[in-house]
Amino acid sequence: MIGLRIKEERVRLNLSQQKLADYIDVSKRTLIDWEKDRTSPTAVQLSALSSIGMDIMYIVTGSRLSNKESPYGTVNNADEAEMLAEYREGDEAARDAARYTLTRVSGKKRETS
C-alpha cells in the first residue's frame, strides 16, 4: 500500500520517476521497487520525500494531512517542489534573495519575528 501512495504523491506533484529519484538521490530502480511494494523507503528517505512536498502522513497511514493541520500547507505541483528543493539547497544569502524577490513581486511585506 505504501508503494501505491508514493506513486499517487509523485503523480500529484507531476513528477516522473526519474525526476523524483534525482530529487531524493535514489536510483530509478529503487523508486520503482518502492512503488511496486517490493521494498520500502527508510526514515531518511521518507524525510527526503517530505522535503519536496510529499504528504508523508498519507504515504505511511493513508490519511491525508490537511492544510488545516499544517500551517505551511503542501506542495501542489512539480514547479513548487523544484523551487522548494532549490530554496532548501541554497545558502542563507540565496534564501534571503529568494524571499526578497518573492515579496517584491507579490507586493506583500514579510512579517519579521
PDB file of N, CA and C in Angstrom:
ATOM      1  N   MET A   1       0.810  -1.208   0.000  1.00  0.00           N
ATOM      2  CA  MET A   1       0.000   0.000   0.000  1.00  0.00           C
ATOM      3  C   MET A   1       0.851   1.270   0.000  1.00  0.00           C
ATOM      4  N   ILE A   2       1.982   1.238   0.721  1.00  0.00           N
ATOM      5  CA  ILE A   2       2.844   2.422   0.750  1.00  0.00           C
ATOM      6  C   ILE A   2       3.303   2.769  -0.663  1.00  0.00           C
ATOM      7  N   GLY A   3       3.635   1.748  -1.441  1.00  0.00           N
ATOM      8  CA  GLY A   3       4.104   1.982  -2.801  1.00  0.00           C
ATOM      9  C   GLY A   3       3.086   2.708  -3.659  1.00  0.00           C
ATOM     10  N   LEU A   4       1.846   2.296  -3.569  1.00  0.00           N
ATOM     11  CA  LEU A   4       0.782   2.952  -4.330  1.00  0.00           C
ATOM     12  C   LEU A   4       0.642   4.409  -3.910  1.00  0.00           C
ATOM     13  N   ARG A   5       0.753   4.677  -2.621  1.00  0.00           N
ATOM     14  CA  ARG A   5       0.606   6.056  -2.143  1.00  0.00           C
ATOM     15  C   ARG A   5       1.807   6.917  -2.534  1.00  0.00           C
ATOM     16  N   ILE A   6       3.005   6.323  -2.571  1.00  0.00           N
ATOM     17  CA  ILE A   6       4.170   7.068  -3.077  1.00  0.00           C
ATOM     18  C   ILE A   6       3.917   7.451  -4.535  1.00  0.00           C
ATOM     19  N   LYS A   7       3.429   6.510  -5.314  1.00  0.00           N
ATOM     20  CA  LYS A   7       3.136   6.797  -6.725  1.00  0.00           C
ATOM     21  C   LYS A   7       2.070   7.877  -6.843  1.00  0.00           C
ATOM     22  N   GLU A   8       1.015   7.799  -6.036  1.00  0.00           N
ATOM     23  CA  GLU A   8      -0.037   8.819  -6.079  1.00  0.00           C
ATOM     24  C   GLU A   8       0.531  10.203  -5.775  1.00  0.00           C
ATOM     25  N   GLU A   9       1.405  10.291  -4.787  1.00  0.00           N
ATOM     26  CA  GLU A   9       2.010  11.577  -4.448  1.00  0.00           C
ATOM     27  C   GLU A   9       2.924  12.059  -5.568  1.00  0.00           C
ATOM     28  N   ARG A  10       3.675  11.148  -6.179  1.00  0.00           N
ATOM     29  CA  ARG A  10       4.544  11.522  -7.297  1.00  0.00           C
ATOM     30  C   ARG A  10       3.703  12.076  -8.443  1.00  0.00           C
ATOM     31  N   VAL A  11       2.608  11.412  -8.754  1.00  0.00           N
ATOM     32  CA  VAL A  11       1.718  11.864  -9.830  1.00  0.00           C
ATOM     33  C   VAL A  11       1.078  13.203  -9.454  1.00  0.00           C
ATOM     34  N   ARG A  12       0.670  13.350  -8.184  1.00  0.00           N
ATOM     35  CA  ARG A  12       0.067  14.616  -7.738  1.00  0.00           C
ATOM     36  C   ARG A  12       1.022  15.779  -7.963  1.00  0.00           C
ATOM     37  N   LEU A  13       2.310  15.534  -7.741  1.00  0.00           N
ATOM     38  CA  LEU A  13       3.315  16.582  -7.926  1.00  0.00           C
ATOM     39  C   LEU A  13       3.800  16.676  -9.372  1.00  0.00           C
ATOM     40  N   ASN A  14       3.227  15.835 -10.242  1.00  0.00           N
ATOM     41  CA  ASN A  14       3.574  15.839 -11.662  1.00  0.00           C
ATOM     42  C   ASN A  14       5.065  15.581 -11.883  1.00  0.00           C
ATOM     43  N   LEU A  15       5.592  14.585 -11.185  1.00  0.00           N
ATOM     44  CA  LEU A  15       6.999  14.226 -11.302  1.00  0.00           C
ATOM     45  C   LEU A  15       7.138  12.873 -11.984  1.00  0.00           C
ATOM     46  N   SER A  16       8.102  12.764 -12.870  1.00  0.00           N
ATOM     47  CA  SER A  16       8.427  11.458 -13.444  1.00  0.00           C
ATOM     48  C   SER A  16       9.179  10.649 -12.391  1.00  0.00           C
ATOM     49  N   GLN A  17       9.271   9.350 -12.617  1.00  0.00           N
ATOM     50  CA  GLN A  17      10.044   8.526 -11.687  1.00  0.00           C
ATOM     51  C   GLN A  17      11.494   9.000 -11.643  1.00  0.00           C
ATOM     52  N   GLN A  18      12.065   9.294 -12.812  1.00  0.00           N
ATOM     53  CA  GLN A  18      13.467   9.717 -12.848  1.00  0.00           C
ATOM     54  C   GLN A  18      13.678  11.042 -12.115  1.00  0.00           C
ATOM     55  N   LYS A  19      12.772  11.995 -12.330  1.00  0.00           N
ATOM     56  CA  LYS A  19      12.906  13.308 -11.688  1.00  0.00           C
ATOM     57  C   LYS A  19      12.817  13.165 -10.170  1.00  0.00           C
ATOM     58  N   LEU A  20      11.850  12.381  -9.685  1.00  0.00           N
ATOM     59  CA  LEU A  20      11.728  12.176  -8.245  1.00  0.00           C
ATOM     60  C   LEU A  20      12.959  11.473  -7.696  1.00  0.00           C
ATOM     61  N   ALA A  21      13.421  10.446  -8.381  1.00  0.00           N
ATOM     62  CA  ALA A  21      14.621   9.731  -7.934  1.00  0.00           C
ATOM     63  C   ALA A  21      15.811  10.685  -7.838  1.00  0.00           C
ATOM     64  N   ASP A  22      15.960  11.552  -8.832  1.00  0.00           N
ATOM     65  CA  ASP A  22      17.050  12.534  -8.808  1.00  0.00           C
ATOM     66  C   ASP A  22      16.916  13.486  -7.627  1.00  0.00           C
ATOM     67  N   TYR A  23      15.693  13.973  -7.367  1.00  0.00           N
ATOM     68  CA  TYR A  23      15.466  14.909  -6.259  1.00  0.00           C
ATOM     69  C   TYR A  23      15.872  14.322  -4.917  1.00  0.00           C
ATOM     70  N   ILE A  24      15.577  13.036  -4.712  1.00  0.00           N
ATOM     71  CA  ILE A  24      15.818  12.457  -3.383  1.00  0.00           C
ATOM     72  C   ILE A  24      17.054  11.568  -3.352  1.00  0.00           C
ATOM     73  N   ASP A  25      17.828  11.585  -4.435  1.00  0.00           N
ATOM     74  CA  ASP A  25      19.118  10.904  -4.509  1.00  0.00           C
ATOM     75  C   ASP A  25      19.007   9.391  -4.318  1.00  0.00           C
ATOM     76  N   VAL A  26      18.071   8.777  -5.040  1.00  0.00           N
ATOM     77  CA  VAL A  26      17.992   7.318  -5.114  1.00  0.00           C
ATOM     78  C   VAL A  26      17.946   6.941  -6.588  1.00  0.00           C
ATOM     79  N   SER A  27      18.161   5.667  -6.875  1.00  0.00           N
ATOM     80  CA  SER A  27      18.079   5.230  -8.270  1.00  0.00           C
ATOM     81  C   SER A  27      16.617   5.093  -8.689  1.00  0.00           C
ATOM     82  N   LYS A  28      16.405   5.174  -9.981  1.00  0.00           N
ATOM     83  CA  LYS A  28      15.055   4.975 -10.506  1.00  0.00           C
ATOM     84  C   LYS A  28      14.574   3.567 -10.151  1.00  0.00           C
ATOM     85  N   ARG A  29      15.478   2.597 -10.173  1.00  0.00           N
ATOM     86  CA  ARG A  29      15.129   1.210  -9.826  1.00  0.00           C
ATOM     87  C   ARG A  29      14.613   1.129  -8.388  1.00  0.00           C
ATOM     88  N   THR A  30      15.261   1.862  -7.466  1.00  0.00           N
ATOM     89  CA  THR A  30      14.811   1.885  -6.073  1.00  0.00           C
ATOM     90  C   THR A  30      13.394   2.423  -5.988  1.00  0.00           C
ATOM     91  N   LEU A  31      13.137   3.511  -6.687  1.00  0.00           N
ATOM     92  CA  LEU A  31      11.802   4.109  -6.671  1.00  0.00           C
ATOM     93  C   LEU A  31      10.762   3.153  -7.251  1.00  0.00           C
ATOM     94  N   ILE A  32      11.102   2.486  -8.330  1.00  0.00           N
ATOM     95  CA  ILE A  32      10.187   1.508  -8.926  1.00  0.00           C
ATOM     96  C   ILE A  32       9.881   0.402  -7.918  1.00  0.00           C
ATOM     97  N   ASP A  33      10.917  -0.074  -7.219  1.00  0.00           N
ATOM     98  CA  ASP A  33      10.710  -1.115  -6.202  1.00  0.00           C
ATOM     99  C   ASP A  33       9.792  -0.633  -5.086  1.00  0.00           C
ATOM    100  N   TRP A  34       9.925   0.632  -4.685  1.00  0.00           N
ATOM    101  CA  TRP A  34       9.004   1.182  -3.674  1.00  0.00           C
ATOM    102  C   TRP A  34       7.579   1.177  -4.205  1.00  0.00           C
ATOM    103  N   GLU A  35       7.408   1.697  -5.418  1.00  0.00           N
ATOM    104  CA  GLU A  35       6.069   1.829  -5.985  1.00  0.00           C
ATOM    105  C   GLU A  35       5.404   0.474  -6.221  1.00  0.00           C
ATOM    106  N   LYS A  36       6.195  -0.578  -6.377  1.00  0.00           N
ATOM    107  CA  LYS A  36       5.645  -1.925  -6.556  1.00  0.00           C
ATOM    108  C   LYS A  36       5.595  -2.683  -5.226  1.00  0.00           C
ATOM    109  N   ASP A  37       5.881  -1.997  -4.121  1.00  0.00           N
ATOM    110  CA  ASP A  37       5.879  -2.590  -2.777  1.00  0.00           C
ATOM    111  C   ASP A  37       6.842  -3.768  -2.632  1.00  0.00           C
ATOM    112  N   ARG A  38       7.927  -3.736  -3.399  1.00  0.00           N
ATOM    113  CA  ARG A  38       8.970  -4.754  -3.241  1.00  0.00           C
ATOM    114  C   ARG A  38       9.856  -4.413  -2.057  1.00  0.00           C
ATOM    115  N   THR A  39      10.105  -3.120  -1.878  1.00  0.00           N
ATOM    116  CA  THR A  39      10.872  -2.611  -0.736  1.00  0.00           C
ATOM    117  C   THR A  39      10.182  -1.346  -0.259  1.00  0.00           C
ATOM    118  N   SER A  40      10.627  -0.838   0.885  1.00  0.00           N
ATOM    119  CA  SER A  40      10.052   0.396   1.437  1.00  0.00           C
ATOM    120  C   SER A  40      11.157   1.396   1.720  1.00  0.00           C
ATOM    121  N   PRO A  41      10.843   2.678   1.648  1.00  0.00           N
ATOM    122  CA  PRO A  41      11.847   3.703   1.960  1.00  0.00           C
ATOM    123  C   PRO A  41      12.182   3.711   3.449  1.00  0.00           C
ATOM    124  N   THR A  42      13.402   4.132   3.746  1.00  0.00           N
ATOM    125  CA  THR A  42      13.829   4.301   5.136  1.00  0.00           C
ATOM    126  C   THR A  42      13.268   5.609   5.683  1.00  0.00           C
ATOM    127  N   ALA A  43      13.445   5.821   6.968  1.00  0.00           N
ATOM    128  CA  ALA A  43      13.006   7.082   7.577  1.00  0.00           C
ATOM    129  C   ALA A  43      13.715   8.270   6.930  1.00  0.00           C
ATOM    130  N   VAL A  44      14.991   8.129   6.639  1.00  0.00           N
ATOM    131  CA  VAL A  44      15.747   9.213   5.993  1.00  0.00           C
ATOM    132  C   VAL A  44      15.176   9.483   4.602  1.00  0.00           C
ATOM    133  N   GLN A  45      14.829   8.440   3.879  1.00  0.00           N
ATOM    134  CA  GLN A  45      14.262   8.614   2.545  1.00  0.00           C
ATOM    135  C   GLN A  45      12.857   9.211   2.609  1.00  0.00           C
ATOM    136  N   LEU A  46      12.072   8.824   3.613  1.00  0.00           N
ATOM    137  CA  LEU A  46      10.757   9.449   3.801  1.00  0.00           C
ATOM    138  C   LEU A  46      10.910  10.938   4.090  1.00  0.00           C
ATOM    139  N   SER A  47      11.928  11.283   4.866  1.00  0.00           N
ATOM    140  CA  SER A  47      12.193  12.691   5.151  1.00  0.00           C
ATOM    141  C   SER A  47      12.517  13.444   3.858  1.00  0.00           C
ATOM    142  N   ALA A  48      13.289  12.820   2.983  1.00  0.00           N
ATOM    143  CA  ALA A  48      13.611  13.445   1.691  1.00  0.00           C
ATOM    144  C   ALA A  48      12.345  13.631   0.855  1.00  0.00           C
ATOM    145  N   LEU A  49      11.460  12.643   0.873  1.00  0.00           N
ATOM    146  CA  LEU A  49      10.188  12.778   0.150  1.00  0.00           C
ATOM    147  C   LEU A  49       9.375  13.935   0.713  1.00  0.00           C
ATOM    148  N   SER A  50       9.386  14.061   2.022  1.00  0.00           N
ATOM    149  CA  SER A  50       8.663  15.156   2.674  1.00  0.00           C
ATOM    150  C   SER A  50       9.229  16.509   2.261  1.00  0.00           C
ATOM    151  N   SER A  51      10.553  16.581   2.122  1.00  0.00           N
ATOM    152  CA  SER A  51      11.196  17.862   1.823  1.00  0.00           C
ATOM    153  C   SER A  51      10.824  18.409   0.451  1.00  0.00           C
ATOM    154  N   ILE A  52      10.330  17.554  -0.435  1.00  0.00           N
ATOM    155  CA  ILE A  52       9.903  18.054  -1.748  1.00  0.00           C
ATOM    156  C   ILE A  52       8.393  18.188  -1.837  1.00  0.00           C
ATOM    157  N   GLY A  53       7.713  18.012  -0.707  1.00  0.00           N
ATOM    158  CA  GLY A  53       6.286  18.299  -0.671  1.00  0.00           C
ATOM    159  C   GLY A  53       5.353  17.110  -0.633  1.00  0.00           C
ATOM    160  N   MET A  54       5.900  15.912  -0.511  1.00  0.00           N
ATOM    161  CA  MET A  54       5.018  14.750  -0.404  1.00  0.00           C
ATOM    162  C   MET A  54       4.398  14.700   0.987  1.00  0.00           C
ATOM    163  N   ASP A  55       3.172  14.239   1.046  1.00  0.00           N
ATOM    164  CA  ASP A  55       2.432  14.109   2.298  1.00  0.00           C
ATOM    165  C   ASP A  55       2.804  12.767   2.928  1.00  0.00           C
ATOM    166  N   ILE A  56       3.785  12.792   3.833  1.00  0.00           N
ATOM    167  CA  ILE A  56       4.292  11.563   4.438  1.00  0.00           C
ATOM    168  C   ILE A  56       3.240  10.909   5.321  1.00  0.00           C
ATOM    169  N   MET A  57       2.418  11.695   5.982  1.00  0.00           N
ATOM    170  CA  MET A  57       1.335  11.120   6.787  1.00  0.00           C
ATOM    171  C   MET A  57       0.455  10.237   5.900  1.00  0.00           C
ATOM    172  N   TYR A  58       0.144  10.728   4.706  1.00  0.00           N
ATOM    173  CA  TYR A  58      -0.671   9.950   3.776  1.00  0.00           C
ATOM    174  C   TYR A  58       0.075   8.701   3.309  1.00  0.00           C
ATOM    175  N   ILE A  59       1.339   8.848   2.953  1.00  0.00           N
ATOM    176  CA  ILE A  59       2.111   7.702   2.464  1.00  0.00           C
ATOM    177  C   ILE A  59       2.146   6.589   3.509  1.00  0.00           C
ATOM    178  N   VAL A  60       2.379   6.946   4.759  1.00  0.00           N
ATOM    179  CA  VAL A  60       2.540   5.939   5.810  1.00  0.00           C
ATOM    180  C   VAL A  60       1.203   5.402   6.318  1.00  0.00           C
ATOM    181  N   THR A  61       0.218   6.289   6.500  1.00  0.00           N
ATOM    182  CA  THR A  61      -1.028   5.868   7.158  1.00  0.00           C
ATOM    183  C   THR A  61      -2.235   5.787   6.232  1.00  0.00           C
ATOM    184  N   GLY A  62      -2.174   6.453   5.096  1.00  0.00           N
ATOM    185  CA  GLY A  62      -3.335   6.513   4.218  1.00  0.00           C
ATOM    186  C   GLY A  62      -4.266   7.669   4.538  1.00  0.00           C
ATOM    187  N   SER A  63      -3.950   8.447   5.583  1.00  0.00           N
ATOM    188  CA  SER A  63      -4.755   9.617   5.961  1.00  0.00           C
ATOM    189  C   SER A  63      -4.015  10.875   5.559  1.00  0.00           C
ATOM    190  N   ARG A  64      -4.678  11.723   4.817  1.00  0.00           N
ATOM    191  CA  ARG A  64      -4.046  12.968   4.358  1.00  0.00           C
ATOM    192  C   ARG A  64      -3.873  13.960   5.485  1.00  0.00           C
ATOM    193  N   LEU A  65      -2.759  14.664   5.450  1.00  0.00           N
ATOM    194  CA  LEU A  65      -2.510  15.784   6.342  1.00  0.00           C
ATOM    195  C   LEU A  65      -3.119  16.989   5.653  1.00  0.00           C
ATOM    196  N   SER A  66      -4.205  17.494   6.177  1.00  0.00           N
ATOM    197  CA  SER A  66      -4.870  18.620   5.526  1.00  0.00           C
ATOM    198  C   SER A  66      -4.096  19.902   5.783  1.00  0.00           C
ATOM    199  N   ASN A  67      -4.332  20.897   4.947  1.00  0.00           N
ATOM    200  CA  ASN A  67      -3.696  22.197   5.138  1.00  0.00           C
ATOM    201  C   ASN A  67      -4.067  22.795   6.483  1.00  0.00           C
ATOM    202  N   LYS A  68      -5.232  22.433   7.027  1.00  0.00           N
ATOM    203  CA  LYS A  68      -5.639  22.944   8.330  1.00  0.00           C
ATOM    204  C   LYS A  68      -4.737  22.409   9.432  1.00  0.00           C
ATOM    205  N   GLU A  69      -4.215  21.190   9.238  1.00  0.00           N
ATOM    206  CA  GLU A  69      -3.345  20.580  10.235  1.00  0.00           C
ATOM    207  C   GLU A  69      -1.917  21.106  10.135  1.00  0.00           C
ATOM    208  N   SER A  70      -1.532  21.593   8.968  1.00  0.00           N
ATOM    209  CA  SER A  70      -0.189  22.114   8.761  1.00  0.00           C
ATOM    210  C   SER A  70      -0.274  23.587   8.384  1.00  0.00           C
ATOM    211  N   PRO A  71       0.311  24.462   9.193  1.00  0.00           N
ATOM    212  CA  PRO A  71       0.247  25.883   8.853  1.00  0.00           C
ATOM    213  C   PRO A  71       1.006  26.221   7.578  1.00  0.00           C
ATOM    214  N   TYR A  72       1.822  25.292   7.092  1.00  0.00           N
ATOM    215  CA  TYR A  72       2.640  25.554   5.920  1.00  0.00           C
ATOM    216  C   TYR A  72       2.055  24.979   4.639  1.00  0.00           C
ATOM    217  N   GLY A  73       0.927  24.262   4.732  1.00  0.00           N
ATOM    218  CA  GLY A  73       0.305  23.701   3.539  1.00  0.00           C
ATOM    219  C   GLY A  73       1.134  22.584   2.942  1.00  0.00           C
ATOM    220  N   THR A  74       0.898  22.295   1.679  1.00  0.00           N
ATOM    221  CA  THR A  74       1.636  21.258   0.972  1.00  0.00           C
ATOM    222  C   THR A  74       2.043  21.788  -0.388  1.00  0.00           C
ATOM    223  N   VAL A  75       3.018  21.130  -0.987  1.00  0.00           N
ATOM    224  CA  VAL A  75       3.441  21.461  -2.336  1.00  0.00           C
ATOM    225  C   VAL A  75       2.428  20.845  -3.288  1.00  0.00           C
ATOM    226  N   ASN A  76       1.991  21.604  -4.272  1.00  0.00           N
ATOM    227  CA  ASN A  76       0.908  21.155  -5.141  1.00  0.00           C
ATOM    228  C   ASN A  76       1.330  20.674  -6.515  1.00  0.00           C
ATOM    229  N   ASN A  77       2.560  20.996  -6.930  1.00  0.00           N
ATOM    230  CA  ASN A  77       2.974  20.575  -8.262  1.00  0.00           C
ATOM    231  C   ASN A  77       4.493  20.541  -8.355  1.00  0.00           C
ATOM    232  N   ALA A  78       4.982  20.072  -9.493  1.00  0.00           N
ATOM    233  CA  ALA A  78       6.422  19.905  -9.679  1.00  0.00           C
ATOM    234  C   ALA A  78       7.176  21.230  -9.606  1.00  0.00           C
ATOM    235  N   ASP A  79       6.588  22.311 -10.140  1.00  0.00           N
ATOM    236  CA  ASP A  79       7.258  23.614 -10.080  1.00  0.00           C
ATOM    237  C   ASP A  79       7.497  24.034  -8.634  1.00  0.00           C
ATOM    238  N   GLU A  80       6.467  23.895  -7.800  1.00  0.00           N
ATOM    239  CA  GLU A  80       6.616  24.252  -6.390  1.00  0.00           C
ATOM    240  C   GLU A  80       7.641  23.347  -5.715  1.00  0.00           C
ATOM    241  N   ALA A  81       7.617  22.062  -6.038  1.00  0.00           N
ATOM    242  CA  ALA A  81       8.572  21.122  -5.446  1.00  0.00           C
ATOM    243  C   ALA A  81       9.998  21.495  -5.832  1.00  0.00           C
ATOM    244  N   GLU A  82      10.193  21.856  -7.099  1.00  0.00           N
ATOM    245  CA  GLU A  82      11.529  22.222  -7.563  1.00  0.00           C
ATOM    246  C   GLU A  82      12.007  23.513  -6.894  1.00  0.00           C
ATOM    247  N   MET A  83      11.117  24.511  -6.795  1.00  0.00           N
ATOM    248  CA  MET A  83      11.504  25.761  -6.130  1.00  0.00           C
ATOM    249  C   MET A  83      11.849  25.519  -4.664  1.00  0.00           C
ATOM    250  N   LEU A  84      11.056  24.688  -4.001  1.00  0.00           N
ATOM    251  CA  LEU A  84      11.316  24.387  -2.600  1.00  0.00           C
ATOM    252  C   LEU A  84      12.648  23.661  -2.434  1.00  0.00           C
ATOM    253  N   ALA A  85      12.921  22.708  -3.312  1.00  0.00           N
ATOM    254  CA  ALA A  85      14.195  21.984  -3.246  1.00  0.00           C
ATOM    255  C   ALA A  85      15.369  22.937  -3.463  1.00  0.00           C
ATOM    256  N   GLU A  86      15.262  23.824  -4.455  1.00  0.00           N
ATOM    257  CA  GLU A  86      16.331  24.797  -4.716  1.00  0.00           C
ATOM    258  C   GLU A  86      16.511  25.733  -3.526  1.00  0.00           C
ATOM    259  N   TYR A  87      15.407  26.179  -2.949  1.00  0.00           N
ATOM    260  CA  TYR A  87      15.457  27.069  -1.785  1.00  0.00           C
ATOM    261  C   TYR A  87      16.193  26.386  -0.636  1.00  0.00           C
ATOM    262  N   ARG A  88      15.846  25.149  -0.361  1.00  0.00           N
ATOM    263  CA  ARG A  88      16.455  24.433   0.765  1.00  0.00           C
ATOM    264  C   ARG A  88      17.922  24.129   0.533  1.00  0.00           C
ATOM    265  N   GLU A  89      18.310  23.950  -0.721  1.00  0.00           N
ATOM    266  CA  GLU A  89      19.703  23.650  -1.035  1.00  0.00           C
ATOM    267  C   GLU A  89      20.572  24.905  -1.065  1.00  0.00           C
ATOM    268  N   GLY A  90      19.960  26.067  -1.166  1.00  0.00           N
ATOM    269  CA  GLY A  90      20.712  27.315  -1.244  1.00  0.00           C
ATOM    270  C   GLY A  90      21.297  27.725   0.095  1.00  0.00           C
ATOM    271  N   ASP A  91      22.312  28.579   0.038  1.00  0.00           N
ATOM    272  CA  ASP A  91      22.864  29.114   1.284  1.00  0.00           C
ATOM    273  C   ASP A  91      21.953  30.239   1.787  1.00  0.00           C
ATOM    274  N   GLU A  92      22.277  30.802   2.929  1.00  0.00           N
ATOM    275  CA  GLU A  92      21.415  31.820   3.542  1.00  0.00           C
ATOM    276  C   GLU A  92      21.238  33.035   2.631  1.00  0.00           C
ATOM    277  N   ALA A  93      22.292  33.440   1.929  1.00  0.00           N
ATOM    278  CA  ALA A  93      22.187  34.590   1.024  1.00  0.00           C
ATOM    279  C   ALA A  93      21.213  34.296  -0.121  1.00  0.00           C
ATOM    280  N   ALA A  94      21.263  33.089  -0.655  1.00  0.00           N
ATOM    281  CA  ALA A  94      20.348  32.716  -1.736  1.00  0.00           C
ATOM    282  C   ALA A  94      18.908  32.682  -1.239  1.00  0.00           C
ATOM    283  N   ARG A  95      18.697  32.153  -0.028  1.00  0.00           N
ATOM    284  CA  ARG A  95      17.339  32.114   0.526  1.00  0.00           C
ATOM    285  C   ARG A  95      16.826  33.530   0.786  1.00  0.00           C
ATOM    286  N   ASP A  96      17.699  34.408   1.295  1.00  0.00           N
ATOM    287  CA  ASP A  96      17.304  35.807   1.509  1.00  0.00           C
ATOM    288  C   ASP A  96      16.910  36.470   0.188  1.00  0.00           C
ATOM    289  N   ALA A  97      17.700  36.219  -0.860  1.00  0.00           N
ATOM    290  CA  ALA A  97      17.408  36.803  -2.173  1.00  0.00           C
ATOM    291  C   ALA A  97      16.073  36.285  -2.715  1.00  0.00           C
ATOM    292  N   ALA A  98      15.812  35.007  -2.521  1.00  0.00           N
ATOM    293  CA  ALA A  98      14.543  34.430  -2.986  1.00  0.00           C
ATOM    294  C   ALA A  98      13.368  35.047  -2.244  1.00  0.00           C
ATOM    295  N   ARG A  99      13.490  35.170  -0.929  1.00  0.00           N
ATOM    296  CA  ARG A  99      12.408  35.776  -0.141  1.00  0.00           C
ATOM    297  C   ARG A  99      12.189  37.223  -0.571  1.00  0.00           C
ATOM    298  N   TYR A 100      13.272  37.961  -0.760  1.00  0.00           N
ATOM    299  CA  TYR A 100      13.182  39.363  -1.179  1.00  0.00           C
ATOM    300  C   TYR A 100      12.459  39.469  -2.522  1.00  0.00           C
ATOM    301  N   THR A 101      12.882  38.658  -3.478  1.00  0.00           N
ATOM    302  CA  THR A 101      12.280  38.691  -4.811  1.00  0.00           C
ATOM    303  C   THR A 101      10.793  38.372  -4.759  1.00  0.00           C
ATOM    304  N   LEU A 102      10.429  37.321  -4.039  1.00  0.00           N
ATOM    305  CA  LEU A 102       9.014  36.932  -3.966  1.00  0.00           C
ATOM    306  C   LEU A 102       8.163  37.988  -3.282  1.00  0.00           C
ATOM    307  N   THR A 103       8.684  38.620  -2.229  1.00  0.00           N
ATOM    308  CA  THR A 103       7.884  39.644  -1.553  1.00  0.00           C
ATOM    309  C   THR A 103       7.726  40.873  -2.443  1.00  0.00           C
ATOM    310  N   ARG A 104       8.734  41.200  -3.239  1.00  0.00           N
ATOM    311  CA  ARG A 104       8.635  42.355  -4.132  1.00  0.00           C
ATOM    312  C   ARG A 104       7.655  42.078  -5.264  1.00  0.00           C
ATOM    313  N   VAL A 105       7.708  40.896  -5.818  1.00  0.00           N
ATOM    314  CA  VAL A 105       6.820  40.531  -6.921  1.00  0.00           C
ATOM    315  C   VAL A 105       5.376  40.448  -6.441  1.00  0.00           C
ATOM    316  N   SER A 106       5.163  39.895  -5.257  1.00  0.00           N
ATOM    317  CA  SER A 106       3.792  39.735  -4.755  1.00  0.00           C
ATOM    318  C   SER A 106       3.246  41.024  -4.159  1.00  0.00           C
ATOM    319  N   GLY A 107       4.133  41.957  -3.825  1.00  0.00           N
ATOM    320  CA  GLY A 107       3.699  43.212  -3.227  1.00  0.00           C
ATOM    321  C   GLY A 107       3.382  43.109  -1.749  1.00  0.00           C
ATOM    322  N   LYS A 108       3.700  41.970  -1.150  1.00  0.00           N
ATOM    323  CA  LYS A 108       3.414  41.776   0.274  1.00  0.00           C
ATOM    324  C   LYS A 108       4.665  42.040   1.093  1.00  0.00           C
ATOM    325  N   LYS A 109       4.457  42.575   2.268  1.00  0.00           N
ATOM    326  CA  LYS A 109       5.559  42.759   3.211  1.00  0.00           C
ATOM    327  C   LYS A 109       5.653  41.510   4.061  1.00  0.00           C
ATOM    328  N   ARG A 110       6.866  41.060   4.311  1.00  0.00           N
ATOM    329  CA  ARG A 110       7.087  39.881   5.138  1.00  0.00           C
ATOM    330  C   ARG A 110       7.161  40.291   6.589  1.00  0.00           C
ATOM    331  N   GLU A 111       6.430  39.551   7.432  1.00  0.00           N
ATOM    332  CA  GLU A 111       6.483  39.822   8.866  1.00  0.00           C
ATOM    333  C   GLU A 111       7.787  39.279   9.420  1.00  0.00           C
ATOM    334  N   THR A 112       8.386  40.014  10.320  1.00  0.00           N
ATOM    335  CA  THR A 112       9.593  39.540  10.982  1.00  0.00           C
ATOM    336  C   THR A 112       9.263  39.222  12.416  1.00  0.00           C
ATOM    337  N   SER A 113       9.941  38.201  12.938  1.00  0.00           N
ATOM    338  CA  SER A 113       9.653  37.812  14.322  1.00  0.00           C
ATOM    339  C   SER A 113      10.711  38.273  15.275  1.00  0.00           C
TER     340      SER A 113
END
